[in-house]
Structures are given as C-alpha cells and as structure tokens.
Amino acid sequence: MKRIDIVRQLVADLLDDHQYFQRIETLLSAQRQAIISFTPSQLESHTEQLMEHYRHIHQHAQQRIRGLQQLSLSADQHGMRQLLDGLAPAAQQHLLTIWRDLPTQLQRCQHANNANQQLLEMQHSLFIEWLPETDPAAWLYHPDSLG
C-alpha cells in the first residue's frame, strides 16, 4: 500500500471514529431511557448497535497501529500527532482538533456507560429483593397468598 493511501485511510478512520463516538453517546442516552422505561426490545437494539460501533472503533485502532508502523511512526498518540502535523494546513487543524477531542468523547461515553451499568445493577438488586428466597408461598405476590 502506498504511503498516501495509508495516510488517507488513517484520516478516514479518525473521522469515522469521531462520528462513532457521537453515535455511541446518543445510543448510551437512549439505552438509559430504555433501562428506565424497562423496554427490553429497545434495550437489546441499542446494545447491539453499541457493540457494532465498539467493533468498528476497535478495528480502526488496530488499523491505526499497523498504519503508523508502516509509516515508520510510533504506534501511539505521538505517532498520530506526527502524522497529523505533516498534513496540509487546511486539513491539519480540523483533524488535530478531532484527535484531541477523542479522549474527551471516550470519557463521556465511559461515564454514560458506567451510569447505565449502575442503573442496571440497582434494578437487578431490587428484583432480587422482591423475589422469594426459599418459600415461594411466602412471597407477597404469590397467587396463593392473595387469598
């Protein structure tokens, strides 16, 4: 693969990742609403979409490592910064801004994901508390206890 093609692919993946993180934030918010409203079909749909986006971001990260190595740059943030610094000024500033924003996007997604996890754990513990531990007949909502 030619150097220019590798650079184009790295830039395209960076732009895609920026969009994926935006979609992930939106999906995590929708996932939270599905958890709160207890709509399993929506929750499943959002989770499937999230997993697909996570796969794409992971693939791009792997491709970024290979691409930077093929360009004889370090396969880390410094190598990516070197790559972006070498681009034409018209594209450089925009792409540097996106590159610098990715960790912030990631943190927002992690925070939203952790909040969703806490909500699921709270719901789970409530359901466990409501279910009978040993004797189903002793359970408040057991049909035999309704008289």
Protein backbone atom coordinates (compact mmCIF):
# COMPACT_ATOMS: atom_id res chain seq x y z
CA MET A 1 0.00 0.00 0.00
CA LYS A 2 1.32 3.45 -0.90
CA ARG A 3 2.14 5.99 1.78
CA ILE A 4 -0.62 8.34 0.60
CA ASP A 5 -3.18 5.52 0.78
CA ILE A 6 -2.15 4.68 4.34
CA VAL A 7 -2.46 8.34 5.36
CA ARG A 8 -5.87 8.62 3.69
CA GLN A 9 -7.07 5.50 5.50
CA LEU A 10 -5.80 6.75 8.86
CA VAL A 11 -7.55 10.09 8.34
CA ALA A 12 -10.78 8.40 7.21
CA ASP A 13 -10.72 6.12 10.26
CA LEU A 14 -10.13 9.10 12.55
CA LEU A 15 -13.14 10.91 11.10
CA ASP A 16 -15.23 7.73 11.35
CA ASP A 17 -14.21 7.21 14.99
CA HIS A 18 -15.27 10.77 15.80
CA GLN A 19 -18.71 10.03 14.34
CA TYR A 20 -18.90 6.63 16.05
CA PHE A 21 -18.25 8.22 19.44
CA GLN A 22 -21.01 10.76 18.78
CA ARG A 23 -23.40 7.93 17.89
CA ILE A 24 -22.30 5.95 20.95
CA GLU A 25 -23.11 8.90 23.21
CA THR A 26 -26.56 9.14 21.64
CA LEU A 27 -27.12 5.39 21.92
CA LEU A 28 -26.00 5.31 25.56
CA SER A 29 -28.53 8.02 26.34
CA ALA A 30 -31.24 6.06 24.52
CA GLN A 31 -30.10 2.90 26.30
CA ARG A 32 -30.55 4.66 29.64
CA GLN A 33 -34.10 5.61 28.72
CA ALA A 34 -34.80 2.02 27.68
CA ILE A 35 -33.49 0.82 31.05
CA ILE A 36 -35.62 3.35 32.95
CA SER A 37 -38.76 2.59 30.94
CA PHE A 38 -37.97 -1.14 31.02
CA THR A 39 -38.36 -1.73 27.30
CA PRO A 40 -36.24 -4.84 26.66
CA SER A 41 -36.60 -4.74 22.87
CA GLN A 42 -35.21 -1.20 22.68
CA LEU A 43 -32.50 -2.06 25.18
CA GLU A 44 -31.45 -5.04 23.08
CA SER A 45 -31.47 -3.00 19.88
CA HIS A 46 -29.37 -0.22 21.41
CA THR A 47 -26.94 -2.73 22.88
CA GLU A 48 -26.49 -4.45 19.51
CA GLN A 49 -25.81 -1.11 17.82
CA LEU A 50 -23.35 -0.15 20.55
CA MET A 51 -21.48 -3.42 20.15
CA GLU A 52 -21.24 -2.85 16.39
CA HIS A 53 -19.80 0.63 16.93
CA TYR A 54 -17.34 -0.72 19.52
CA ARG A 55 -16.17 -3.31 16.98
CA HIS A 56 -15.57 -0.63 14.35
CA ILE A 57 -13.61 1.55 16.77
CA HIS A 58 -11.52 -1.45 17.81
CA GLN A 59 -10.82 -2.32 14.17
CA HIS A 60 -9.79 1.26 13.47
CA ALA A 61 -7.44 1.24 16.46
CA GLN A 62 -5.79 -1.93 15.15
CA GLN A 63 -5.54 -0.45 11.65
CA ARG A 64 -4.11 2.77 13.13
CA ILE A 65 -1.35 0.81 14.85
CA ARG A 66 -0.47 -1.05 11.64
CA GLY A 67 -0.68 2.08 9.51
CA LEU A 68 1.54 4.13 11.80
CA GLN A 69 4.07 1.29 11.91
CA GLN A 70 4.04 1.05 8.10
CA LEU A 71 4.82 4.77 8.02
CA SER A 72 7.70 4.20 10.47
CA LEU A 73 5.94 6.26 13.14
CA SER A 74 5.41 5.20 16.72
CA ALA A 75 2.11 3.38 17.13
CA ASP A 76 0.78 5.74 19.80
CA GLN A 77 -0.57 9.25 20.25
CA HIS A 78 2.83 10.76 19.44
CA GLY A 79 2.97 8.95 16.10
CA MET A 80 -0.53 10.06 15.25
CA ARG A 81 0.35 13.62 16.21
CA GLN A 82 3.42 13.48 13.93
CA LEU A 83 1.24 12.22 11.10
CA LEU A 84 -1.31 15.00 11.56
CA ASP A 85 1.39 17.66 11.92
CA GLY A 86 2.65 16.66 8.48
CA LEU A 87 -0.66 17.25 6.72
CA ALA A 88 -1.64 20.30 4.70
CA PRO A 89 -2.62 23.20 6.97
CA ALA A 90 -6.19 23.25 5.63
CA ALA A 91 -6.92 19.76 6.98
CA GLN A 92 -4.39 19.71 9.78
CA GLN A 93 -6.15 21.99 12.27
CA HIS A 94 -9.51 20.27 11.88
CA LEU A 95 -8.02 16.80 12.26
CA LEU A 96 -5.86 17.82 15.23
CA THR A 97 -8.97 19.15 16.95
CA ILE A 98 -10.78 15.86 16.35
CA TRP A 99 -7.76 13.86 17.55
CA ARG A 100 -7.52 15.93 20.74
CA ASP A 101 -11.28 15.59 21.33
CA LEU A 102 -11.36 11.78 21.10
CA PRO A 103 -10.21 11.20 24.72
CA THR A 104 -12.92 13.60 25.94
CA GLN A 105 -15.52 11.79 23.85
CA LEU A 106 -14.30 8.49 25.24
CA GLN A 107 -14.57 9.76 28.82
CA ARG A 108 -18.13 10.96 28.23
CA CYS A 109 -19.05 7.57 26.78
CA GLN A 110 -17.39 5.74 29.68
CA HIS A 111 -19.24 7.92 32.18
CA ALA A 112 -22.59 7.30 30.47
CA ASN A 113 -21.87 3.57 30.22
CA ASN A 114 -20.95 3.40 33.92
CA ALA A 115 -24.15 5.26 34.83
CA ASN A 116 -26.18 2.78 32.77
CA GLN A 117 -24.40 -0.11 34.47
CA GLN A 118 -25.20 1.32 37.91
CA LEU A 119 -28.84 1.70 36.92
CA LEU A 120 -28.99 -1.91 35.73
CA GLU A 121 -27.34 -3.10 38.94
CA MET A 122 -29.87 -1.15 41.04
CA GLN A 123 -32.76 -2.65 39.07
CA HIS A 124 -31.27 -6.11 39.45
CA SER A 125 -30.88 -5.76 43.21
CA LEU A 126 -34.48 -4.53 43.51
CA PHE A 127 -35.76 -7.54 41.59
CA ILE A 128 -33.70 -9.87 43.76
CA GLU A 129 -35.15 -8.27 46.90
CA TRP A 130 -38.69 -8.71 45.59
CA LEU A 131 -38.28 -12.37 44.73
CA PRO A 132 -38.77 -15.04 47.39
CA GLU A 133 -35.58 -16.58 48.65
CA THR A 134 -36.78 -20.01 49.68
CA ASP A 135 -40.53 -20.46 50.03
CA PRO A 136 -42.46 -19.12 47.03
CA ALA A 137 -45.70 -19.30 49.04
CA ALA A 138 -44.31 -16.73 51.48
CA TRP A 139 -43.80 -14.23 48.70
CA LEU A 140 -46.14 -11.25 48.85
CA TYR A 141 -47.14 -11.57 45.19
CA HIS A 142 -47.52 -15.33 45.13
CA PRO A 143 -51.01 -16.27 43.82
CA ASP A 144 -51.72 -18.45 46.88
CA SER A 145 -51.13 -15.52 49.23
CA LEU A 146 -53.85 -13.43 47.60
CA GLY A 147 -56.48 -15.39 49.40
